[in-house]
Amino acid sequence: MSIIGWIILGLLAGAIAKFLLPGRDPGGFVGTTLIGIAGAFIGGWISSRWLDHPITKDFYDGTTWAAAIGGSLVLLIAYRILFGNSRD
């Protein structure tokens, strides 16, 4: 999968993570999508590095999607913990 594929996957994973964790985010839509992109990269890296699941060329691989969404969720939670009070 190319870099463009990972960015698209990250955008979708960020939207899914936002759907799973509703509420106000300090960064809004742009921040959430950037977190989704970073989460997709980090989730894919963790999956290939420690979970022994190599990155495939297939965009529709369920494990790749789960890793991207999981990475997005972790980053979104960390972002809310660190910067959650900035929109009060």
Protein backbone atom coordinates (compact mmCIF):
# COMPACT_ATOMS: atom_id res chain seq x y z
CA MET A 1 0.00 0.00 0.00
CA SER A 2 1.38 3.41 -0.90
CA ILE A 3 1.69 6.49 1.27
CA ILE A 4 -1.52 7.87 -0.29
CA GLY A 5 -3.31 4.65 0.71
CA TRP A 6 -2.10 5.04 4.30
CA ILE A 7 -3.27 8.66 4.36
CA ILE A 8 -6.73 7.68 3.11
CA LEU A 9 -6.82 4.80 5.58
CA GLY A 10 -5.78 7.25 8.32
CA LEU A 11 -8.54 9.70 7.43
CA LEU A 12 -11.12 6.94 7.61
CA ALA A 13 -9.62 5.49 10.79
CA GLY A 14 -9.70 8.95 12.40
CA ALA A 15 -13.37 9.33 11.49
CA ILE A 16 -14.14 5.90 12.94
CA ALA A 17 -12.18 6.70 16.11
CA LYS A 18 -14.11 9.97 16.45
CA PHE A 19 -17.37 8.03 16.01
CA LEU A 20 -16.31 5.54 18.72
CA LEU A 21 -15.20 8.34 21.10
CA PRO A 22 -17.74 11.13 20.66
CA GLY A 23 -17.27 14.46 22.36
CA ARG A 24 -15.47 17.71 21.90
CA ASP A 25 -11.89 17.45 20.75
CA PRO A 26 -9.38 20.22 21.34
CA GLY A 27 -8.27 20.17 17.69
CA GLY A 28 -11.64 19.88 15.98
CA PHE A 29 -12.03 18.12 12.63
CA VAL A 30 -8.54 18.91 11.33
CA GLY A 31 -6.86 17.73 14.51
CA THR A 32 -8.91 14.54 14.55
CA THR A 33 -8.02 13.70 10.96
CA LEU A 34 -4.32 14.35 11.58
CA ILE A 35 -4.52 12.11 14.63
CA GLY A 36 -6.16 9.46 12.43
CA ILE A 37 -3.35 9.64 9.89
CA ALA A 38 -0.67 9.43 12.59
CA GLY A 39 -2.60 6.62 14.29
CA ALA A 40 -2.71 4.64 11.05
CA PHE A 41 1.05 4.92 10.65
CA ILE A 42 1.75 4.08 14.28
CA GLY A 43 -0.77 1.23 14.36
CA GLY A 44 0.68 -0.25 11.19
CA TRP A 45 4.20 0.06 12.53
CA ILE A 46 3.29 -1.59 15.85
CA SER A 47 1.41 -4.34 14.01
CA SER A 48 4.35 -5.12 11.77
CA ARG A 49 7.02 -4.70 14.41
CA TRP A 50 5.65 -6.45 17.50
CA LEU A 51 2.51 -8.32 16.49
CA ASP A 52 4.22 -10.19 13.64
CA HIS A 53 1.69 -9.06 11.03
CA PRO A 54 3.55 -7.73 7.98
CA ILE A 55 2.12 -4.76 6.15
CA THR A 56 0.33 -6.03 3.08
CA LYS A 57 -0.34 -4.38 -0.24
CA ASP A 58 -4.07 -4.99 0.22
CA PHE A 59 -6.10 -1.94 1.29
CA TYR A 60 -8.97 -4.10 2.55
CA ASP A 61 -7.01 -6.19 5.06
CA GLY A 62 -9.00 -6.36 8.30
CA THR A 63 -5.96 -6.52 10.55
CA THR A 64 -4.49 -3.42 8.95
CA TRP A 65 -7.76 -1.56 9.51
CA ALA A 66 -7.93 -2.75 13.13
CA ALA A 67 -4.35 -1.58 13.73
CA ALA A 68 -5.05 1.82 12.16
CA ILE A 69 -8.24 2.33 14.15
CA GLY A 70 -6.56 1.13 17.35
CA GLY A 71 -3.65 3.50 16.82
CA SER A 72 -6.08 6.35 16.16
CA LEU A 73 -8.03 5.57 19.33
CA VAL A 74 -4.88 5.53 21.44
CA LEU A 75 -3.67 8.83 20.02
CA LEU A 76 -7.10 10.43 20.36
CA ILE A 77 -7.34 9.40 24.02
CA ALA A 78 -3.81 10.67 24.70
CA TYR A 79 -4.58 13.93 22.90
CA ARG A 80 -7.72 14.44 24.98
CA ILE A 81 -5.83 13.73 28.19
CA LEU A 82 -3.01 16.15 27.33
CA PHE A 83 -5.01 18.97 25.71
CA GLY A 84 -8.60 18.30 26.75
CA ASN A 85 -9.14 21.51 28.71
CA SER A 86 -7.99 23.89 25.98
CA ARG A 87 -11.53 24.42 24.54
CA ASP A 88 -13.30 25.19 27.82
